């Protein structure tokens, strides 16, 4: 594909990187990314992938913008209160970069519709805020053989990892199943430092770009943990579980549940 003079200027800082170059920027422009959630994590992921020039970005979310969101969900503003988050995000990101095709899906993600969505995209980014969705997205990506960048945030901490089906462990190798309902408090109950999703979401965007251009070390088989209070990062190895219910050679879970 050919870039216009304006596009060459916009993406100049990418193109002059030897690790990216014109070929890498063309890969970015052809890429299609599916983002689950347009909130705390989805906002920075969306900002940086839009700025990078991803060809197509789809957001799925069924919530509306509330005043309490604005402490951390930077894709939204007071002008968008009461508006579906995906529509608010679409307006924000289209104004940042008209090169990018933004698709807004104002729906709840379910076992009945997820495979139809993820099969249409190259990479899935899980920016959800609950365990059932996180496991549903993992299982669907393993079954559809789609790379997944998944992140989570809680109080002053965040974490992320990358799932590459067939080449490393999946989320269920780390946590076999979601905790019982009510076992863990929600951010609504215990709070969340607003900048933490910015850190984790930005790192998720970086992993997406590395997957697209095929450069750098990917966080497959490792969980990166960030602690804002200690200003620290640490990595934890994730061994592939030979008896994983989803990604093993003989999976027990063969259909989405």
Protein backbone atom coordinates (compact mmCIF):
# COMPACT_ATOMS: atom_id res chain seq x y z
CA UNK A 1 0.00 0.00 0.00
CA UNK A 2 1.09 3.55 -0.70
CA UNK A 3 1.09 6.28 1.93
CA UNK A 4 0.25 9.87 1.13
CA UNK A 5 2.69 12.65 1.97
CA UNK A 6 0.55 13.54 4.99
CA UNK A 7 0.61 9.95 6.23
CA UNK A 8 4.37 9.72 5.80
CA UNK A 9 4.65 12.82 7.96
CA UNK A 10 2.21 11.49 10.58
CA UNK A 11 4.02 8.16 10.97
CA UNK A 12 7.55 9.49 10.44
CA UNK A 13 8.78 8.58 13.93
CA UNK A 14 7.77 4.98 13.31
CA UNK A 15 9.13 4.79 9.80
CA UNK A 16 12.60 6.02 10.75
CA UNK A 17 12.91 3.26 13.35
CA UNK A 18 14.91 0.42 11.70
CA UNK A 19 12.78 -2.10 13.60
CA UNK A 20 9.59 -0.68 12.06
CA UNK A 21 10.39 1.07 8.79
CA UNK A 22 7.95 1.57 5.95
CA UNK A 23 7.17 -2.15 5.77
CA UNK A 24 6.30 -2.28 9.45
CA UNK A 25 4.05 0.76 9.19
CA UNK A 26 2.29 -0.85 6.26
CA UNK A 27 1.68 -3.95 8.39
CA UNK A 28 0.23 -1.70 11.10
CA UNK A 29 -2.03 -0.01 8.54
CA UNK A 30 -3.35 -3.39 7.35
CA UNK A 31 -3.94 -4.80 10.85
CA UNK A 32 -7.36 -5.41 12.39
CA UNK A 33 -7.66 -5.34 16.19
CA UNK A 34 -10.65 -6.29 18.34
CA UNK A 35 -10.78 -4.59 21.76
CA UNK A 36 -13.04 -5.95 24.49
CA UNK A 37 -14.03 -3.03 26.69
CA UNK A 38 -13.91 0.74 26.13
CA UNK A 39 -13.17 1.74 29.70
CA UNK A 40 -10.06 2.08 31.85
CA UNK A 41 -7.81 -0.22 29.83
CA UNK A 42 -9.55 0.18 26.51
CA UNK A 43 -9.01 3.95 26.59
CA UNK A 44 -5.17 3.97 26.50
CA UNK A 45 -5.08 0.92 24.23
CA UNK A 46 -7.39 2.72 21.85
CA UNK A 47 -5.46 5.98 21.99
CA UNK A 48 -2.07 4.50 21.18
CA UNK A 49 -3.26 2.00 18.57
CA UNK A 50 -5.24 4.74 16.85
CA UNK A 51 -2.25 7.08 16.95
CA UNK A 52 -0.08 4.28 15.54
CA UNK A 53 -2.33 3.96 12.49
CA UNK A 54 -3.92 0.53 12.95
CA UNK A 55 -6.14 -0.08 9.91
CA UNK A 56 -9.28 -1.22 11.73
CA UNK A 57 -10.10 -1.14 15.44
CA UNK A 58 -13.36 -2.53 16.81
CA UNK A 59 -14.60 -1.89 20.34
CA UNK A 60 -17.27 -3.94 22.05
CA UNK A 61 -18.88 -2.68 25.28
CA UNK A 62 -22.46 -2.43 26.50
CA UNK A 63 -22.00 0.26 29.19
CA UNK A 64 -22.67 3.98 29.10
CA UNK A 65 -20.38 6.79 30.27
CA UNK A 66 -20.83 7.71 33.94
CA UNK A 67 -19.22 10.53 35.92
CA UNK A 68 -17.31 8.05 38.10
CA UNK A 69 -15.62 6.68 34.94
CA UNK A 70 -13.83 9.94 34.16
CA UNK A 71 -11.20 9.48 36.89
CA UNK A 72 -9.48 6.91 34.67
CA UNK A 73 -11.37 6.27 31.41
CA UNK A 74 -9.65 8.94 29.34
CA UNK A 75 -11.47 8.19 26.08
CA UNK A 76 -14.55 9.89 27.53
CA UNK A 77 -15.48 13.35 28.81
CA UNK A 78 -18.35 15.19 30.50
CA UNK A 79 -19.79 15.90 27.05
CA UNK A 80 -20.41 12.17 26.61
CA UNK A 81 -22.13 11.39 29.92
CA UNK A 82 -24.96 8.93 29.34
CA UNK A 83 -23.67 8.01 25.88
CA UNK A 84 -22.69 4.42 25.01
CA UNK A 85 -18.97 4.04 25.70
CA UNK A 86 -18.27 2.62 22.25
CA UNK A 87 -19.84 5.65 20.58
CA UNK A 88 -17.93 8.04 22.83
CA UNK A 89 -14.68 6.19 22.09
CA UNK A 90 -15.41 6.22 18.35
CA UNK A 91 -15.78 10.02 18.35
CA UNK A 92 -12.59 10.45 20.39
CA UNK A 93 -10.40 8.22 18.26
CA UNK A 94 -11.77 9.33 14.90
CA UNK A 95 -10.84 12.89 15.82
CA UNK A 96 -7.31 11.72 16.66
CA UNK A 97 -6.64 9.84 13.42
CA UNK A 98 -9.10 9.73 10.50
CA UNK A 99 -6.92 7.06 8.83
CA UNK A 100 -8.23 4.46 11.27
CA UNK A 101 -11.56 2.70 10.72
CA UNK A 102 -13.23 2.60 14.15
CA UNK A 103 -16.08 0.13 14.61
CA UNK A 104 -18.34 0.48 17.65
CA UNK A 105 -20.29 -2.56 18.85
CA UNK A 106 -22.77 -1.65 21.59
CA UNK A 107 -23.44 -5.19 22.75
CA UNK A 108 -22.68 -7.56 25.59
CA UNK A 109 -20.04 -10.13 24.65
CA UNK A 110 -21.41 -13.66 25.06
CA UNK A 111 -20.53 -17.24 24.23
CA UNK A 112 -22.99 -17.03 21.34
CA UNK A 113 -21.42 -14.06 19.56
CA UNK A 114 -17.74 -13.94 20.52
CA UNK A 115 -16.35 -16.40 17.97
CA UNK A 116 -18.05 -14.53 15.17
CA UNK A 117 -16.28 -11.37 16.27
CA UNK A 118 -12.76 -12.63 17.01
CA UNK A 119 -12.51 -14.60 13.76
CA UNK A 120 -12.75 -11.30 11.85
CA UNK A 121 -9.66 -9.77 13.48
CA UNK A 122 -5.92 -10.42 13.66
CA UNK A 123 -5.39 -9.70 17.37
CA UNK A 124 -7.73 -9.50 20.35
CA UNK A 125 -7.09 -7.19 23.31
CA UNK A 126 -8.94 -8.04 26.52
CA UNK A 127 -9.66 -4.85 28.44
CA UNK A 128 -12.63 -6.25 30.37
CA UNK A 129 -13.16 -5.76 34.09
CA UNK A 130 -14.49 -9.14 35.20
CA UNK A 131 -13.30 -12.74 35.36
CA UNK A 132 -16.11 -14.46 33.39
CA UNK A 133 -15.43 -12.25 30.37
CA UNK A 134 -11.67 -12.71 30.72
CA UNK A 135 -11.99 -16.49 30.58
CA UNK A 136 -14.55 -16.35 27.78
CA UNK A 137 -12.19 -14.23 25.66
CA UNK A 138 -9.24 -16.54 26.39
CA UNK A 139 -11.18 -19.65 25.43
CA UNK A 140 -12.51 -18.09 22.23
CA UNK A 141 -9.05 -16.93 21.16
CA UNK A 142 -7.56 -20.38 21.77
CA UNK A 143 -10.35 -22.01 19.77
CA UNK A 144 -10.09 -19.46 16.95
CA UNK A 145 -6.25 -19.47 17.08
CA UNK A 146 -6.07 -15.70 17.55
CA UNK A 147 -3.35 -13.93 19.51
CA UNK A 148 -4.64 -12.32 22.71
CA UNK A 149 -3.19 -9.50 24.81
CA UNK A 150 -4.95 -9.59 28.16
CA UNK A 151 -4.66 -7.12 31.03
CA UNK A 152 -6.17 -6.62 34.47
CA UNK A 153 -6.08 -3.90 37.13
CA UNK A 154 -6.86 -3.79 40.86
CA UNK A 155 -6.30 -0.96 43.36
CA UNK A 156 -2.61 0.01 42.89
CA UNK A 157 -1.61 -2.98 40.75
CA UNK A 158 -1.92 -4.22 37.20
CA UNK A 159 -0.86 -7.21 35.17
CA UNK A 160 -0.73 -8.40 31.59
CA UNK A 161 0.29 -11.35 29.47
CA UNK A 162 0.07 -12.48 25.84
CA UNK A 163 -1.56 -15.70 24.69
CA UNK A 164 -0.38 -17.12 21.37
CA UNK A 165 -2.42 -20.29 20.73
CA UNK A 166 -0.26 -23.24 19.80
CA UNK A 167 2.95 -21.52 20.84
CA UNK A 168 2.60 -20.99 24.58
CA UNK A 169 0.36 -21.16 27.65
CA UNK A 170 -3.09 -19.63 27.81
CA UNK A 171 -4.84 -17.76 30.61
CA UNK A 172 -6.26 -21.02 31.98
CA UNK A 173 -2.74 -22.36 32.38
CA UNK A 174 -2.29 -19.56 34.91
CA UNK A 175 -5.77 -19.62 36.46
CA UNK A 176 -7.79 -22.72 35.62
CA UNK A 177 -11.13 -21.04 36.19
CA UNK A 178 -12.74 -17.85 37.49
CA UNK A 179 -13.20 -17.39 41.25
CA UNK A 180 -16.70 -17.88 42.68
CA UNK A 181 -18.98 -14.83 42.38
CA UNK A 182 -18.31 -12.41 45.23
CA UNK A 183 -15.01 -14.04 46.21
CA UNK A 184 -13.05 -10.91 45.28
CA UNK A 185 -14.16 -7.30 45.78
CA UNK A 186 -14.65 -5.10 42.72
CA UNK A 187 -12.90 -1.76 42.08
CA UNK A 188 -16.27 -0.15 42.77
CA UNK A 189 -15.93 -1.45 46.33
CA UNK A 190 -12.20 -1.04 47.05
CA UNK A 191 -11.10 1.70 44.64
CA UNK A 192 -8.52 1.99 41.87
CA UNK A 193 -5.68 4.43 41.31
CA UNK A 194 -6.63 6.13 38.06
CA UNK A 195 -3.21 6.02 36.42
CA UNK A 196 -2.78 2.23 36.75
CA UNK A 197 -4.97 1.38 33.74
CA UNK A 198 -2.97 3.95 31.78
CA UNK A 199 0.25 2.07 32.50
CA UNK A 200 -1.17 -1.39 31.76
CA UNK A 201 -3.16 -0.28 28.73
CA UNK A 202 -0.11 1.38 27.21
CA UNK A 203 1.88 -1.82 27.71
CA UNK A 204 -0.93 -3.81 26.08
CA UNK A 205 -0.77 -1.51 23.06
CA UNK A 206 3.00 -2.03 22.86
CA UNK A 207 2.54 -5.81 22.79
CA UNK A 208 -0.02 -5.48 20.00
CA UNK A 209 2.35 -3.41 17.89
CA UNK A 210 5.22 -5.85 18.45
CA UNK A 211 2.99 -8.74 17.38
CA UNK A 212 2.06 -6.88 14.21
CA UNK A 213 5.57 -5.90 13.13
CA UNK A 214 7.11 -9.17 14.34
CA UNK A 215 9.86 -7.57 16.40
CA UNK A 216 10.92 -7.72 20.05
CA UNK A 217 10.23 -10.14 22.88
CA UNK A 218 6.55 -10.92 23.40
CA UNK A 219 5.08 -11.49 26.88
CA UNK A 220 4.02 -15.02 25.99
CA UNK A 221 4.58 -17.43 28.87
CA UNK A 222 5.16 -14.55 31.30
CA UNK A 223 2.91 -12.45 33.51
CA UNK A 224 4.13 -8.87 33.95
CA UNK A 225 3.02 -7.37 37.27
CA UNK A 226 3.13 -3.63 38.03
CA UNK A 227 2.93 -2.19 41.56
CA UNK A 228 2.38 1.58 41.55
CA UNK A 229 3.08 2.00 45.28
CA UNK A 230 6.47 0.31 44.98
CA UNK A 231 7.17 1.73 41.50
CA UNK A 232 8.16 -1.80 40.49
CA UNK A 233 7.68 -4.34 37.73
CA UNK A 234 8.26 -8.07 38.03
CA UNK A 235 7.77 -11.04 35.74
CA UNK A 236 6.35 -14.42 36.69
CA UNK A 237 6.84 -17.42 34.41
CA UNK A 238 3.66 -19.14 33.25
CA UNK A 239 4.35 -22.81 32.50
CA UNK A 240 2.15 -24.47 29.92
CA UNK A 241 -0.20 -26.84 31.69
CA UNK A 242 -0.18 -30.20 29.84
CA UNK A 243 -3.65 -30.81 31.30
CA UNK A 244 -5.06 -27.35 30.58
CA UNK A 245 -8.82 -27.68 30.02
CA UNK A 246 -8.63 -25.48 26.91
CA UNK A 247 -5.18 -25.45 25.25
CA UNK A 248 -3.82 -28.93 25.99
CA UNK A 249 -3.65 -31.69 23.40
CA UNK A 250 -6.79 -33.23 24.91
CA UNK A 251 -8.92 -30.28 26.09
CA UNK A 252 -11.94 -30.90 28.31
CA UNK A 253 -13.53 -27.62 27.22
CA UNK A 254 -14.32 -27.87 23.53
CA UNK A 255 -17.23 -25.44 23.43
CA UNK A 256 -17.62 -22.01 24.97
CA UNK A 257 -19.34 -22.05 28.36
